[in-house]
Amino acid sequence: MKRPRFSKNLIVRILNEAGGEHKVAKICREYGISQDIYRHWKSKYDDMEISGHSQT
């Protein structure tokens, strides 16, 4: 099995960086991921917190 390229903490950090639709596209380009992957991560990890940090 292939090792994940992104840790869960990094995925949550990427999700927190993205805001509006244009910003999502920019973030995806910066990290080399597709917007489909971003949406998959959002549905899977959106309720998670970065360890040690709480979302308010």
PDB file of N, CA and C in Angstrom:
ATOM      1  N   MET A   1       0.839  -1.183   0.000  1.00  0.00           N
ATOM      2  CA  MET A   1       0.000   0.000   0.000  1.00  0.00           C
ATOM      3  C   MET A   1       0.883   1.244   0.000  1.00  0.00           C
ATOM      4  N   LYS A   2       0.457   2.233  -0.760  1.00  0.00           N
ATOM      5  CA  LYS A   2       1.202   3.472  -0.896  1.00  0.00           C
ATOM      6  C   LYS A   2       1.088   4.323   0.370  1.00  0.00           C
ATOM      7  N   ARG A   3       2.185   4.929   0.766  1.00  0.00           N
ATOM      8  CA  ARG A   3       2.189   5.817   1.928  1.00  0.00           C
ATOM      9  C   ARG A   3       1.533   7.142   1.549  1.00  0.00           C
ATOM     10  N   PRO A   4       0.673   7.676   2.417  1.00  0.00           N
ATOM     11  CA  PRO A   4       0.017   8.956   2.102  1.00  0.00           C
ATOM     12  C   PRO A   4       1.043  10.081   1.941  1.00  0.00           C
ATOM     13  N   ARG A   5       0.791  10.927   0.962  1.00  0.00           N
ATOM     14  CA  ARG A   5       1.686  12.055   0.696  1.00  0.00           C
ATOM     15  C   ARG A   5       1.469  13.192   1.692  1.00  0.00           C
ATOM     16  N   PHE A   6       0.253  13.310   2.187  1.00  0.00           N
ATOM     17  CA  PHE A   6      -0.094  14.392   3.104  1.00  0.00           C
ATOM     18  C   PHE A   6      -0.568  13.808   4.435  1.00  0.00           C
ATOM     19  N   SER A   7      -0.055  14.333   5.545  1.00  0.00           N
ATOM     20  CA  SER A   7      -0.520  13.902   6.861  1.00  0.00           C
ATOM     21  C   SER A   7      -1.897  14.510   7.134  1.00  0.00           C
ATOM     22  N   LYS A   8      -2.596  13.945   8.098  1.00  0.00           N
ATOM     23  CA  LYS A   8      -3.919  14.478   8.446  1.00  0.00           C
ATOM     24  C   LYS A   8      -3.815  15.922   8.913  1.00  0.00           C
ATOM     25  N   ASN A   9      -2.782  16.233   9.685  1.00  0.00           N
ATOM     26  CA  ASN A   9      -2.615  17.616  10.153  1.00  0.00           C
ATOM     27  C   ASN A   9      -2.398  18.575   8.992  1.00  0.00           C
ATOM     28  N   LEU A  10      -1.616  18.155   7.991  1.00  0.00           N
ATOM     29  CA  LEU A  10      -1.385  19.014   6.830  1.00  0.00           C
ATOM     30  C   LEU A  10      -2.665  19.186   6.028  1.00  0.00           C
ATOM     31  N   ILE A  11      -3.437  18.127   5.875  1.00  0.00           N
ATOM     32  CA  ILE A  11      -4.709  18.217   5.152  1.00  0.00           C
ATOM     33  C   ILE A  11      -5.632  19.220   5.830  1.00  0.00           C
ATOM     34  N   VAL A  12      -5.741  19.135   7.145  1.00  0.00           N
ATOM     35  CA  VAL A  12      -6.609  20.059   7.885  1.00  0.00           C
ATOM     36  C   VAL A  12      -6.089  21.485   7.739  1.00  0.00           C
ATOM     37  N   ARG A  13      -4.775  21.671   7.765  1.00  0.00           N
ATOM     38  CA  ARG A  13      -4.191  23.002   7.586  1.00  0.00           C
ATOM     39  C   ARG A  13      -4.505  23.550   6.194  1.00  0.00           C
ATOM     40  N   ILE A  14      -4.410  22.697   5.167  1.00  0.00           N
ATOM     41  CA  ILE A  14      -4.739  23.111   3.799  1.00  0.00           C
ATOM     42  C   ILE A  14      -6.203  23.522   3.724  1.00  0.00           C
ATOM     43  N   LEU A  15      -7.086  22.735   4.336  1.00  0.00           N
ATOM     44  CA  LEU A  15      -8.515  23.055   4.325  1.00  0.00           C
ATOM     45  C   LEU A  15      -8.785  24.383   5.018  1.00  0.00           C
ATOM     46  N   ASN A  16      -8.065  24.657   6.090  1.00  0.00           N
ATOM     47  CA  ASN A  16      -8.254  25.914   6.814  1.00  0.00           C
ATOM     48  C   ASN A  16      -7.728  27.115   6.032  1.00  0.00           C
ATOM     49  N   GLU A  17      -6.724  26.904   5.186  1.00  0.00           N
ATOM     50  CA  GLU A  17      -6.176  27.997   4.373  1.00  0.00           C
ATOM     51  C   GLU A  17      -7.166  28.472   3.326  1.00  0.00           C
ATOM     52  N   ALA A  18      -7.899  27.545   2.766  1.00  0.00           N
ATOM     53  CA  ALA A  18      -8.781  27.858   1.639  1.00  0.00           C
ATOM     54  C   ALA A  18     -10.051  28.539   2.124  1.00  0.00           C
ATOM     55  N   GLY A  19     -10.471  29.527   1.383  1.00  0.00           N
ATOM     56  CA  GLY A  19     -11.688  30.252   1.713  1.00  0.00           C
ATOM     57  C   GLY A  19     -12.642  30.251   0.543  1.00  0.00           C
ATOM     58  N   GLY A  20     -12.648  31.333  -0.252  1.00  0.00           N
ATOM     59  CA  GLY A  20     -13.512  31.448  -1.419  1.00  0.00           C
ATOM     60  C   GLY A  20     -13.070  30.535  -2.554  1.00  0.00           C
ATOM     61  N   GLU A  21     -13.899  30.420  -3.580  1.00  0.00           N
ATOM     62  CA  GLU A  21     -13.632  29.495  -4.697  1.00  0.00           C
ATOM     63  C   GLU A  21     -12.307  29.788  -5.399  1.00  0.00           C
ATOM     64  N   HIS A  22     -11.978  31.062  -5.618  1.00  0.00           N
ATOM     65  CA  HIS A  22     -10.711  31.393  -6.279  1.00  0.00           C
ATOM     66  C   HIS A  22      -9.531  31.000  -5.402  1.00  0.00           C
ATOM     67  N   LYS A  23      -9.676  31.188  -4.123  1.00  0.00           N
ATOM     68  CA  LYS A  23      -8.598  30.838  -3.220  1.00  0.00           C
ATOM     69  C   LYS A  23      -8.388  29.327  -3.184  1.00  0.00           C
ATOM     70  N   VAL A  24      -9.468  28.550  -3.288  1.00  0.00           N
ATOM     71  CA  VAL A  24      -9.362  27.091  -3.318  1.00  0.00           C
ATOM     72  C   VAL A  24      -8.509  26.664  -4.503  1.00  0.00           C
ATOM     73  N   ALA A  25      -8.765  27.237  -5.659  1.00  0.00           N
ATOM     74  CA  ALA A  25      -7.995  26.899  -6.858  1.00  0.00           C
ATOM     75  C   ALA A  25      -6.516  27.224  -6.657  1.00  0.00           C
ATOM     76  N   LYS A  26      -6.240  28.355  -6.046  1.00  0.00           N
ATOM     77  CA  LYS A  26      -4.852  28.756  -5.805  1.00  0.00           C
ATOM     78  C   LYS A  26      -4.166  27.794  -4.835  1.00  0.00           C
ATOM     79  N   ILE A  27      -4.837  27.457  -3.758  1.00  0.00           N
ATOM     80  CA  ILE A  27      -4.283  26.525  -2.772  1.00  0.00           C
ATOM     81  C   ILE A  27      -4.010  25.171  -3.423  1.00  0.00           C
ATOM     82  N   CYS A  28      -4.944  24.696  -4.238  1.00  0.00           N
ATOM     83  CA  CYS A  28      -4.774  23.404  -4.921  1.00  0.00           C
ATOM     84  C   CYS A  28      -3.548  23.424  -5.828  1.00  0.00           C
ATOM     85  N   ARG A  29      -3.346  24.510  -6.549  1.00  0.00           N
ATOM     86  CA  ARG A  29      -2.161  24.626  -7.411  1.00  0.00           C
ATOM     87  C   ARG A  29      -0.886  24.623  -6.579  1.00  0.00           C
ATOM     88  N   GLU A  30      -0.892  25.352  -5.465  1.00  0.00           N
ATOM     89  CA  GLU A  30       0.303  25.444  -4.620  1.00  0.00           C
ATOM     90  C   GLU A  30       0.717  24.079  -4.073  1.00  0.00           C
ATOM     91  N   TYR A  31      -0.258  23.255  -3.701  1.00  0.00           N
ATOM     92  CA  TYR A  31       0.043  21.952  -3.106  1.00  0.00           C
ATOM     93  C   TYR A  31       0.039  20.817  -4.125  1.00  0.00           C
ATOM     94  N   GLY A  32      -0.296  21.121  -5.378  1.00  0.00           N
ATOM     95  CA  GLY A  32      -0.279  20.107  -6.422  1.00  0.00           C
ATOM     96  C   GLY A  32      -1.378  19.072  -6.289  1.00  0.00           C
ATOM     97  N   ILE A  33      -2.561  19.523  -5.846  1.00  0.00           N
ATOM     98  CA  ILE A  33      -3.703  18.614  -5.717  1.00  0.00           C
ATOM     99  C   ILE A  33      -4.838  19.107  -6.610  1.00  0.00           C
ATOM    100  N   SER A  34      -5.742  18.200  -6.951  1.00  0.00           N
ATOM    101  CA  SER A  34      -6.898  18.596  -7.755  1.00  0.00           C
ATOM    102  C   SER A  34      -7.993  19.126  -6.833  1.00  0.00           C
ATOM    103  N   GLN A  35      -8.927  19.862  -7.422  1.00  0.00           N
ATOM    104  CA  GLN A  35     -10.047  20.354  -6.626  1.00  0.00           C
ATOM    105  C   GLN A  35     -10.951  19.204  -6.195  1.00  0.00           C
ATOM    106  N   ASP A  36     -10.970  18.107  -6.964  1.00  0.00           N
ATOM    107  CA  ASP A  36     -11.727  16.923  -6.546  1.00  0.00           C
ATOM    108  C   ASP A  36     -11.150  16.342  -5.260  1.00  0.00           C
ATOM    109  N   ILE A  37      -9.819  16.271  -5.176  1.00  0.00           N
ATOM    110  CA  ILE A  37      -9.167  15.788  -3.952  1.00  0.00           C
ATOM    111  C   ILE A  37      -9.495  16.731  -2.798  1.00  0.00           C
ATOM    112  N   TYR A  38      -9.432  18.040  -3.055  1.00  0.00           N
ATOM    113  CA  TYR A  38      -9.762  19.023  -2.022  1.00  0.00           C
ATOM    114  C   TYR A  38     -11.174  18.782  -1.487  1.00  0.00           C
ATOM    115  N   ARG A  39     -12.141  18.600  -2.397  1.00  0.00           N
ATOM    116  CA  ARG A  39     -13.529  18.374  -1.971  1.00  0.00           C
ATOM    117  C   ARG A  39     -13.667  17.066  -1.189  1.00  0.00           C
ATOM    118  N   HIS A  40     -12.929  16.037  -1.606  1.00  0.00           N
ATOM    119  CA  HIS A  40     -12.949  14.765  -0.878  1.00  0.00           C
ATOM    120  C   HIS A  40     -12.414  14.961   0.540  1.00  0.00           C
ATOM    121  N   TRP A  41     -11.271  15.646   0.649  1.00  0.00           N
ATOM    122  CA  TRP A  41     -10.707  15.926   1.962  1.00  0.00           C
ATOM    123  C   TRP A  41     -11.666  16.747   2.803  1.00  0.00           C
ATOM    124  N   LYS A  42     -12.308  17.741   2.177  1.00  0.00           N
ATOM    125  CA  LYS A  42     -13.229  18.616   2.914  1.00  0.00           C
ATOM    126  C   LYS A  42     -14.361  17.801   3.520  1.00  0.00           C
ATOM    127  N   SER A  43     -14.922  16.871   2.761  1.00  0.00           N
ATOM    128  CA  SER A  43     -16.019  16.056   3.280  1.00  0.00           C
ATOM    129  C   SER A  43     -15.532  15.090   4.357  1.00  0.00           C
ATOM    130  N   LYS A  44     -14.282  14.660   4.259  1.00  0.00           N
ATOM    131  CA  LYS A  44     -13.758  13.674   5.202  1.00  0.00           C
ATOM    132  C   LYS A  44     -13.178  14.303   6.469  1.00  0.00           C
ATOM    133  N   TYR A  45     -12.460  15.419   6.325  1.00  0.00           N
ATOM    134  CA  TYR A  45     -11.691  15.986   7.434  1.00  0.00           C
ATOM    135  C   TYR A  45     -12.192  17.330   7.936  1.00  0.00           C
ATOM    136  N   ASP A  46     -13.265  17.863   7.375  1.00  0.00           N
ATOM    137  CA  ASP A  46     -13.693  19.225   7.719  1.00  0.00           C
ATOM    138  C   ASP A  46     -14.002  19.399   9.199  1.00  0.00           C
ATOM    139  N   ASP A  47     -14.453  18.346   9.870  1.00  0.00           N
ATOM    140  CA  ASP A  47     -14.812  18.475  11.281  1.00  0.00           C
ATOM    141  C   ASP A  47     -13.625  18.246  12.212  1.00  0.00           C
ATOM    142  N   MET A  48     -12.452  17.935  11.657  1.00  0.00           N
ATOM    143  CA  MET A  48     -11.266  17.696  12.480  1.00  0.00           C
ATOM    144  C   MET A  48     -10.597  19.007  12.841  1.00  0.00           C
ATOM    145  N   GLU A  49      -9.805  18.963  13.894  1.00  0.00           N
ATOM    146  CA  GLU A  49      -9.036  20.117  14.324  1.00  0.00           C
ATOM    147  C   GLU A  49      -7.563  19.795  14.173  1.00  0.00           C
ATOM    148  N   ILE A  50      -6.754  20.829  13.973  1.00  0.00           N
ATOM    149  CA  ILE A  50      -5.306  20.641  14.008  1.00  0.00           C
ATOM    150  C   ILE A  50      -4.946  20.357  15.456  1.00  0.00           C
ATOM    151  N   SER A  51      -4.165  19.319  15.709  1.00  0.00           N
ATOM    152  CA  SER A  51      -3.847  18.932  17.081  1.00  0.00           C
ATOM    153  C   SER A  51      -3.242  20.104  17.842  1.00  0.00           C
ATOM    154  N   GLY A  52      -3.816  20.364  18.998  1.00  0.00           N
ATOM    155  CA  GLY A  52      -3.344  21.460  19.816  1.00  0.00           C
ATOM    156  C   GLY A  52      -4.037  22.776  19.546  1.00  0.00           C
ATOM    157  N   HIS A  53      -4.847  22.842  18.510  1.00  0.00           N
ATOM    158  CA  HIS A  53      -5.551  24.075  18.154  1.00  0.00           C
ATOM    159  C   HIS A  53      -7.034  23.770  18.045  1.00  0.00           C
ATOM    160  N   SER A  54      -7.850  24.665  18.553  1.00  0.00           N
ATOM    161  CA  SER A  54      -9.291  24.465  18.424  1.00  0.00           C
ATOM    162  C   SER A  54      -9.854  25.474  17.445  1.00  0.00           C
ATOM    163  N   GLN A  55     -10.892  25.052  16.730  1.00  0.00           N
ATOM    164  CA  GLN A  55     -11.557  25.956  15.804  1.00  0.00           C
ATOM    165  C   GLN A  55     -12.652  26.682  16.558  1.00  0.00           C
ATOM    166  N   THR A  56     -12.762  27.992  16.342  1.00  0.00           N
ATOM    167  CA  THR A  56     -13.827  28.751  17.007  1.00  0.00           C
ATOM    168  C   THR A  56     -14.720  29.374  15.990  1.00  0.00           C
TER     169      THR A  56
END
